[in-house]
Protein backbone atom coordinates (compact mmCIF):
# COMPACT_ATOMS: atom_id res chain seq x y z
CA MET A 1 110.66 116.44 85.23
CA ALA A 2 110.06 120.19 85.19
CA ARG A 3 112.34 122.26 87.37
CA ALA A 4 109.46 123.54 89.52
CA THR A 5 108.28 119.97 90.11
CA LEU A 6 111.81 118.86 91.04
CA GLN A 7 112.04 121.70 93.52
CA MET A 8 108.67 120.82 95.05
CA VAL A 9 109.64 117.15 95.34
CA GLY A 10 112.96 118.14 96.93
CA LYS A 11 111.26 120.44 99.43
CA LEU A 12 108.71 117.80 100.43
CA LEU A 13 111.33 115.05 100.62
CA GLY A 14 113.60 117.18 102.79
CA SER A 15 110.76 117.95 105.15
CA LEU A 16 109.42 114.38 105.35
CA PHE A 17 112.85 112.72 105.59
CA PRO A 18 115.33 115.34 106.87
CA GLU A 19 119.00 114.40 106.56
CA ASP A 20 119.82 116.00 109.88
CA LYS A 21 118.10 114.91 113.05
CA SER A 22 115.47 117.65 112.96
CA ALA A 23 111.88 116.62 113.45
CA PRO A 24 110.21 115.71 110.18
CA CYS A 25 106.77 116.83 109.14
CA TYR A 26 104.71 113.65 109.16
CA THR A 27 101.68 114.81 107.18
CA TYR A 28 101.33 116.85 104.00
CA VAL A 29 98.06 117.59 102.25
CA LEU A 30 98.47 118.45 98.57
CA HIS A 31 95.45 120.50 97.62
CA GLY A 32 94.43 121.84 94.25
CA PRO A 33 91.94 121.79 91.43
CA PRO A 34 91.47 118.75 89.17
CA GLY A 35 94.31 118.12 86.73
CA VAL A 36 96.88 120.38 88.40
CA GLY A 37 99.19 117.41 89.10
CA LYS A 38 98.67 116.50 92.77
CA SER A 39 98.78 112.74 92.16
CA SER A 40 101.69 113.09 89.75
CA LEU A 41 103.62 115.11 92.32
CA ALA A 42 102.89 112.51 95.01
CA PHE A 43 104.03 109.71 92.68
CA LYS A 44 107.30 111.52 91.92
CA LEU A 45 107.79 112.12 95.64
CA ALA A 46 107.30 108.40 96.42
CA LYS A 47 109.74 107.41 93.67
CA LYS A 48 112.36 109.90 94.87
CA ALA A 49 111.91 108.77 98.50
CA LEU A 50 112.56 105.18 97.45
CA GLU A 51 115.64 106.21 95.48
CA GLU A 52 117.25 108.61 97.91
CA CYS A 53 116.06 107.85 101.41
CA SER A 54 116.40 104.08 101.39
CA GLU A 55 120.16 104.57 101.92
CA ARG A 56 119.41 106.17 105.30
CA GLY A 57 117.08 103.41 106.47
CA ALA A 58 114.13 101.36 105.39
CA VAL A 59 111.76 103.54 103.41
CA ASN A 60 108.73 102.01 101.78
CA ALA A 61 106.07 103.78 99.79
CA LEU A 62 102.49 102.53 99.76
CA TRP A 63 99.96 104.02 97.34
CA ILE A 64 96.34 103.89 98.48
CA ASP A 65 93.70 105.26 96.10
CA LEU A 66 90.64 106.29 98.11
CA ARG A 67 88.61 107.31 95.06
CA GLY A 68 84.99 106.28 95.56
CA THR A 69 85.39 105.73 99.29
CA GLY A 70 82.19 106.72 101.04
CA SER A 71 82.91 106.06 104.69
CA LEU A 72 85.67 105.86 107.24
CA LEU A 73 84.98 102.11 107.50
CA GLU A 74 85.64 101.63 103.75
CA ALA A 75 88.77 103.79 103.93
CA ALA A 76 90.06 101.91 106.99
CA ARG A 77 89.52 98.58 105.20
CA MET A 78 91.39 99.78 102.11
CA VAL A 79 94.30 101.09 104.18
CA LEU A 80 94.45 97.93 106.31
CA GLN A 81 94.44 95.69 103.23
CA GLN A 82 97.28 97.64 101.60
CA VAL A 83 99.38 97.92 104.76
CA HIS A 84 98.84 94.25 105.59
CA ARG A 85 99.74 93.17 102.06
CA ASN A 86 103.12 94.87 102.51
CA SER A 87 103.87 93.48 105.95
CA GLY A 88 105.00 90.12 107.22
CA ALA A 89 102.08 89.91 109.63
CA PRO A 90 99.67 86.99 109.98
CA PRO A 91 96.15 87.44 108.55
CA TYR A 92 94.24 90.33 110.02
CA GLU A 93 90.83 90.17 111.61
CA GLU A 94 87.90 91.30 109.43
CA SER A 95 85.62 93.64 111.30
CA GLU A 96 82.70 96.03 110.93
CA ASP A 97 84.14 98.10 113.76
CA VAL A 98 86.12 101.01 112.31
CA HIS A 99 88.04 101.54 115.55
CA LYS A 100 89.19 97.91 115.54
CA LEU A 101 90.36 98.21 111.92
CA LEU A 102 92.26 101.42 112.63
CA GLN A 103 93.83 99.83 115.70
CA GLN A 104 95.10 96.97 113.53
CA VAL A 105 96.60 99.50 111.09
CA GLU A 106 98.33 101.30 113.96
CA GLU A 107 99.72 98.03 115.31
CA LEU A 108 101.08 96.99 111.92
CA LEU A 109 102.70 100.36 111.32
CA GLY A 110 104.19 100.40 114.81
CA LYS A 111 105.44 96.82 115.07
CA ASP A 112 106.46 95.73 111.60
CA PRO A 113 110.08 96.85 111.08
CA TRP A 114 109.62 96.84 107.31
CA LEU A 115 106.78 99.37 107.58
CA LYS A 116 108.23 101.64 110.25
CA GLY A 117 108.93 105.06 108.77
CA SER A 118 106.99 104.28 105.59
CA LEU A 119 105.56 106.86 103.24
CA LEU A 120 101.83 106.38 102.67
CA ILE A 121 100.20 108.21 99.80
CA LEU A 122 96.45 108.64 100.23
CA ASP A 123 95.26 109.67 96.79
CA ASN A 124 91.86 111.21 96.00
CA THR A 125 90.58 111.69 99.54
CA GLU A 126 87.96 114.20 98.41
CA ASP A 127 85.38 111.42 97.96
CA LEU A 128 85.77 110.40 101.61
CA GLN A 129 85.43 114.03 102.66
CA ARG A 130 82.40 114.64 100.41
CA GLN A 131 80.52 111.43 101.24
CA THR A 132 80.89 111.84 104.99
CA GLY A 133 80.04 115.56 104.84
CA SER A 134 83.01 116.66 106.92
CA ASN A 135 86.72 116.30 107.44
CA GLU A 136 86.34 114.25 110.64
CA SER A 137 86.84 110.89 108.88
CA LEU A 138 90.00 112.09 107.18
CA LYS A 139 91.20 113.60 110.46
CA ARG A 140 90.72 110.28 112.29
CA LEU A 141 92.43 108.34 109.51
CA LEU A 142 95.43 110.70 109.54
CA GLU A 143 95.72 110.55 113.33
CA CYS A 144 95.95 106.77 113.07
CA LEU A 145 98.44 106.77 110.20
CA ALA A 146 100.77 109.44 111.54
CA ALA A 147 101.58 107.26 114.54
CA ASP A 148 105.00 105.62 114.84
CA HIS A 149 106.91 107.79 112.37
CA THR A 150 104.80 107.01 109.31
CA ARG A 151 104.85 109.81 106.77
CA VAL A 152 101.54 110.52 105.03
CA VAL A 153 100.91 112.54 101.88
CA VAL A 154 97.29 113.22 101.00
CA THR A 155 96.02 114.44 97.64
CA THR A 156 92.64 116.16 97.59
CA ARG A 157 90.59 118.70 95.71
CA THR A 158 88.93 119.69 98.98
CA LYS A 159 90.93 122.00 101.21
CA TYR A 160 91.88 120.41 104.52
CA GLN A 161 94.32 121.65 107.15
CA PRO A 162 95.67 118.69 109.13
CA SER A 163 95.97 119.24 112.87
CA LYS A 164 99.61 118.12 112.73
CA GLY A 165 101.03 118.79 109.32
CA GLN A 166 101.16 121.10 106.35
CA LEU A 167 98.62 122.10 103.72
CA LEU A 168 100.23 122.90 100.39
CA SER A 169 98.36 124.31 97.43
CA VAL A 170 99.97 122.67 94.41
CA LYS A 171 99.10 125.58 92.13
CA ALA A 172 100.45 128.11 94.62
CA LEU A 173 103.65 126.14 95.01
CA GLU A 174 104.20 126.01 91.26
CA GLU A 175 103.74 129.77 91.04
CA GLU A 176 106.07 130.31 94.01
CA PHE A 177 108.88 128.28 92.44
CA ARG A 178 108.43 129.96 89.02
CA LYS A 179 109.14 133.34 90.66
CA LYS A 180 112.51 132.15 92.00
């Protein structure tokens, strides 16, 4: 792993899962042009979180690829399926109501001890943003996921500043670490 990438992973990991009792940042949006390495960086972050942070408590990493997602309802279904698959919960209720689906996700993340404090990677969210014509769907999804100490890392080609979280330009970060 390149030194700049290691430094970026370390910075993100330290902010998402601080060793001291300082408040973590629960949401990061990795933004950049195609092929710059956003997904690769998120993958390395998830791997490192599993390796290093599991000693300090249960840390699980769930990868959710939202490529091709055209609505908040589709995205909520995909997230619920993945979160449910990794929980010990009984079958979830299928629904056409996006709010009901998001509520089920929130309940699973908040009640299942195995999922509490998990790291969720939402990869390729630009399709959701483009298809819905705004960032409102992504905003609602992130508000739901950031509940109950869940850490969320988003990769996107479309710039988005989360209301509670950090926007990091992957290209800018690489340049910043090269200067040091």
